[in-house]
Amino acid sequence: MSNDQPPIHHTKTIYLIRHGETDFNRQGVVQGSGVDSSLNELGQAQAEAFFQAYQHLDFDKIYTSVLQRTHQSVKKFIEKGHSWEQYEGLNEISWGVREGKIPNSRDNEYYKILIDSWVEGKTDMPSEGGESPEDVVARQKPVFEIILSRPEETTVLVAMHGRAIRILLTHLMERPLHEMDTFDHANLCLYKLIYDYKTSKFTVELACDVSHLEGLS
């Protein structure tokens, strides 16, 4: 083998985070893909805490949704010079006509029925005017095909959204989509995933880790 051939990389490490807190998170407003909210003061502190904990890593690429709350969550890494790409396929699920509103009692009942239907296996059921989990995973798959097609990027950072992460993890871990709620999430939580190119399998090294946020409230 020639010495000038590129090295063969057998694994990829993916640091998958949810964005930091927004005022809408705190107020219980439904965000979804149609609400482009900003991080609040706590969310910015969470982003800073994550940066302080992981700035030593040399990320080959940063991937985010097109929504600014994910951009702001990795802003310090981007400013450090890491290459960055954003994709609509990584956006949060669209919750449809109820986005941007604090749910009333009727809305809460609607969401309960909808999510219960998903848990029962009806993952093709969309929210009113919005998306179904199957719609979301269908747009996530091409993005992750791109990410996995680049083995030279051995360490990447991906910033996404709560429901979207739950949906994505069922796909990556080859679990049924109706089990999405078994994956916990919190603002600026971390899932550390290892992808093995030999087996085409993912393993989870850290799940919903928030140890880097110790001291924040």
Protein backbone atom coordinates (compact mmCIF):
# COMPACT_ATOMS: atom_id res chain seq x y z
CA MET A 1 0.00 0.00 0.00
CA SER A 2 1.33 3.43 -0.93
CA ASN A 3 2.25 5.65 1.99
CA ASP A 4 0.48 8.61 0.40
CA GLN A 5 -2.94 6.95 0.38
CA PRO A 6 -5.48 8.50 2.79
CA PRO A 7 -6.01 6.60 6.04
CA ILE A 8 -8.97 4.26 6.30
CA HIS A 9 -11.36 5.35 9.03
CA HIS A 10 -13.46 2.59 10.52
CA THR A 11 -15.52 4.63 12.96
CA LYS A 12 -17.20 8.03 13.16
CA THR A 13 -18.01 9.81 16.42
CA ILE A 14 -21.14 11.96 16.37
CA TYR A 15 -21.84 14.46 19.15
CA LEU A 16 -25.59 14.99 18.81
CA ILE A 17 -27.04 17.85 20.85
CA ARG A 18 -30.38 19.51 21.32
CA HIS A 19 -30.39 23.30 21.17
CA GLY A 20 -30.29 25.41 24.33
CA GLU A 21 -33.33 26.85 26.07
CA THR A 22 -35.56 29.48 24.43
CA ASP A 23 -38.19 31.64 26.08
CA PHE A 24 -40.79 29.57 24.26
CA ASN A 25 -39.37 26.42 25.90
CA ARG A 26 -39.74 28.06 29.29
CA GLN A 27 -43.26 29.34 28.57
CA GLY A 28 -44.48 26.04 27.11
CA VAL A 29 -45.09 27.54 23.66
CA VAL A 30 -45.14 24.99 20.84
CA GLN A 31 -42.19 25.76 18.56
CA GLY A 32 -41.72 23.19 15.82
CA SER A 33 -40.09 23.94 12.48
CA GLY A 34 -42.26 26.98 11.81
CA VAL A 35 -41.07 29.04 14.78
CA ASP A 36 -37.52 30.39 14.48
CA SER A 37 -36.93 31.39 18.10
CA SER A 38 -33.68 32.53 19.70
CA LEU A 39 -31.88 31.21 22.75
CA ASN A 40 -32.69 33.03 25.98
CA GLU A 41 -30.12 33.96 28.62
CA LEU A 42 -30.08 30.47 30.11
CA GLY A 43 -29.87 28.90 26.64
CA GLN A 44 -26.84 31.06 25.85
CA ALA A 45 -25.26 29.98 29.14
CA GLN A 46 -25.95 26.34 28.27
CA ALA A 47 -24.28 26.83 24.88
CA GLU A 48 -21.27 28.43 26.57
CA ALA A 49 -21.05 25.59 29.11
CA PHE A 50 -21.11 23.00 26.33
CA PHE A 51 -18.42 24.91 24.46
CA GLN A 52 -16.21 25.07 27.54
CA ALA A 53 -16.61 21.31 28.06
CA TYR A 54 -15.94 20.27 24.44
CA GLN A 55 -13.89 23.04 22.83
CA HIS A 56 -10.84 20.77 23.01
CA LEU A 57 -12.34 18.50 20.32
CA ASP A 58 -11.31 19.10 16.73
CA PHE A 59 -14.65 18.69 14.99
CA ASP A 60 -14.26 17.92 11.29
CA LYS A 61 -17.71 19.32 10.53
CA ILE A 62 -20.68 20.91 12.27
CA TYR A 63 -24.18 20.08 11.03
CA THR A 64 -27.29 21.98 12.15
CA SER A 65 -30.88 22.57 11.16
CA VAL A 66 -31.65 25.87 9.42
CA LEU A 67 -33.26 27.27 12.59
CA GLN A 68 -31.27 29.85 14.51
CA ARG A 69 -31.62 28.21 17.92
CA THR A 70 -29.33 25.42 16.68
CA HIS A 71 -26.91 27.92 15.11
CA GLN A 72 -26.68 29.85 18.36
CA SER A 73 -26.07 26.65 20.32
CA VAL A 74 -22.85 25.95 18.37
CA LYS A 75 -21.90 29.57 17.60
CA LYS A 76 -18.61 29.45 19.50
CA PHE A 77 -17.50 26.34 17.59
CA ILE A 78 -18.35 27.98 14.26
CA GLU A 79 -16.47 31.12 15.29
CA LYS A 80 -13.49 28.91 16.15
CA GLY A 81 -13.28 28.02 12.47
CA HIS A 82 -14.96 24.62 12.23
CA SER A 83 -16.62 23.90 8.88
CA TRP A 84 -20.42 24.16 9.09
CA GLU A 85 -23.37 22.95 7.00
CA GLN A 86 -27.08 23.42 7.68
CA TYR A 87 -29.96 21.31 6.38
CA GLU A 88 -33.74 21.68 6.52
CA GLY A 89 -33.85 17.91 6.92
CA LEU A 90 -32.56 18.38 10.48
CA ASN A 91 -35.35 20.82 11.42
CA GLU A 92 -37.78 20.13 14.23
CA ILE A 93 -41.05 18.38 13.38
CA SER A 94 -43.77 20.71 12.10
CA TRP A 95 -46.55 20.83 14.66
CA GLY A 96 -48.78 22.59 12.13
CA VAL A 97 -51.49 25.08 13.00
CA ARG A 98 -50.75 25.04 16.73
CA GLU A 99 -47.17 26.26 16.46
CA GLY A 100 -46.34 29.50 18.25
CA LYS A 101 -49.12 29.07 20.82
CA ILE A 102 -49.31 28.06 24.45
CA PRO A 103 -51.55 24.99 24.41
CA ASN A 104 -54.95 25.36 26.06
CA SER A 105 -56.81 22.40 27.54
CA ARG A 106 -58.26 21.42 24.15
CA ASP A 107 -54.81 21.62 22.56
CA ASN A 108 -53.31 19.50 25.32
CA GLU A 109 -55.98 16.86 24.75
CA TYR A 110 -55.25 16.99 21.02
CA TYR A 111 -51.51 16.47 21.60
CA LYS A 112 -52.19 13.61 24.00
CA ILE A 113 -54.35 11.81 21.45
CA LEU A 114 -51.78 12.46 18.69
CA ILE A 115 -48.77 11.23 20.65
CA ASP A 116 -50.72 8.27 22.05
CA SER A 117 -51.53 7.35 18.44
CA TRP A 118 -47.82 7.46 17.59
CA VAL A 119 -46.99 5.24 20.57
CA GLU A 120 -49.64 2.80 19.35
CA GLY A 121 -47.83 2.58 16.02
CA LYS A 122 -49.74 5.11 13.91
CA THR A 123 -46.55 7.02 13.09
CA ASP A 124 -47.93 8.08 9.71
CA MET A 125 -50.48 10.34 11.44
CA PRO A 126 -49.51 14.02 11.01
CA SER A 127 -50.40 16.89 13.26
CA GLU A 128 -53.08 19.18 11.82
CA GLY A 129 -51.32 21.13 9.06
CA GLY A 130 -47.98 19.61 10.06
CA GLU A 131 -45.85 16.50 9.79
CA SER A 132 -45.93 12.91 10.97
CA PRO A 133 -42.90 11.16 12.47
CA GLU A 134 -42.59 9.23 9.20
CA ASP A 135 -42.44 12.53 7.30
CA VAL A 136 -39.61 13.68 9.56
CA VAL A 137 -37.50 10.54 9.35
CA ALA A 138 -37.91 10.57 5.56
CA ARG A 139 -36.19 13.98 5.37
CA GLN A 140 -33.60 13.09 8.01
CA LYS A 141 -32.36 9.98 6.21
CA PRO A 142 -30.78 11.78 3.20
CA VAL A 143 -28.90 14.15 5.51
CA PHE A 144 -27.44 11.30 7.53
CA GLU A 145 -26.57 9.48 4.34
CA ILE A 146 -24.46 12.52 3.48
CA ILE A 147 -22.87 12.57 6.94
CA LEU A 148 -22.03 8.86 6.85
CA SER A 149 -20.74 9.10 3.27
CA ARG A 150 -17.84 11.19 4.60
CA PRO A 151 -15.70 8.77 6.65
CA GLU A 152 -12.85 11.27 6.60
CA GLU A 153 -14.96 13.37 8.98
CA THR A 154 -14.19 11.21 11.99
CA THR A 155 -15.66 13.56 14.61
CA VAL A 156 -18.74 15.68 13.94
CA LEU A 157 -21.12 17.85 15.93
CA VAL A 158 -24.83 17.81 15.07
CA ALA A 159 -27.26 20.32 16.60
CA MET A 160 -30.97 19.53 16.33
CA HIS A 161 -34.29 19.59 18.18
CA GLY A 162 -36.06 17.48 20.78
CA ARG A 163 -38.73 15.56 18.87
CA ALA A 164 -36.49 15.38 15.80
CA ILE A 165 -33.73 13.77 17.90
CA ARG A 166 -36.16 11.18 19.26
CA ILE A 167 -37.25 10.32 15.74
CA LEU A 168 -33.69 10.22 14.43
CA LEU A 169 -32.42 7.95 17.20
CA THR A 170 -35.05 5.31 16.47
CA HIS A 171 -33.78 5.24 12.88
CA LEU A 172 -30.08 5.19 13.75
CA MET A 173 -30.53 2.54 16.44
CA GLU A 174 -32.81 0.48 14.17
CA ARG A 175 -35.70 0.71 16.60
CA PRO A 176 -39.40 0.93 15.68
CA LEU A 177 -40.46 4.54 15.20
CA HIS A 178 -43.26 4.21 17.75
CA GLU A 179 -40.57 3.76 20.44
CA MET A 180 -39.26 7.32 19.94
CA ASP A 181 -40.40 8.49 23.38
CA THR A 182 -38.02 6.03 25.05
CA PHE A 183 -35.23 8.47 24.15
CA ASP A 184 -35.09 11.32 26.65
CA HIS A 185 -34.01 14.84 25.80
CA ALA A 186 -33.34 18.13 27.56
CA ASN A 187 -32.09 21.52 26.44
CA LEU A 188 -28.42 21.23 25.42
CA CYS A 189 -28.29 17.53 26.25
CA LEU A 190 -25.72 15.34 24.50
CA TYR A 191 -25.93 11.97 22.81
CA LYS A 192 -22.49 10.64 21.91
CA LEU A 193 -22.81 8.10 19.11
CA ILE A 194 -20.20 5.84 17.53
CA TYR A 195 -20.77 4.57 14.00
CA ASP A 196 -18.84 1.48 12.92
CA TYR A 197 -18.30 1.40 9.16
CA LYS A 198 -17.51 -2.32 9.24
CA THR A 199 -20.81 -3.32 10.81
CA SER A 200 -22.92 -0.29 9.72
CA LYS A 201 -24.14 -0.06 13.31
CA PHE A 202 -24.41 2.72 15.88
CA THR A 203 -23.70 2.45 19.58
CA VAL A 204 -24.55 5.06 22.22
CA GLU A 205 -21.72 6.07 24.56
CA LEU A 206 -23.62 8.90 26.27
CA ALA A 207 -27.40 9.34 26.38
CA CYS A 208 -29.10 12.64 27.21
CA ASP A 209 -25.97 13.70 29.10
CA VAL A 210 -26.17 17.09 30.83
CA SER A 211 -23.13 16.81 33.11
CA HIS A 212 -21.59 19.80 31.30
CA LEU A 213 -24.50 21.94 32.54
CA GLU A 214 -23.79 21.38 36.22
CA GLY A 215 -24.39 24.59 38.16
CA LEU A 216 -26.83 26.08 35.64
CA SER A 217 -30.54 26.39 36.43
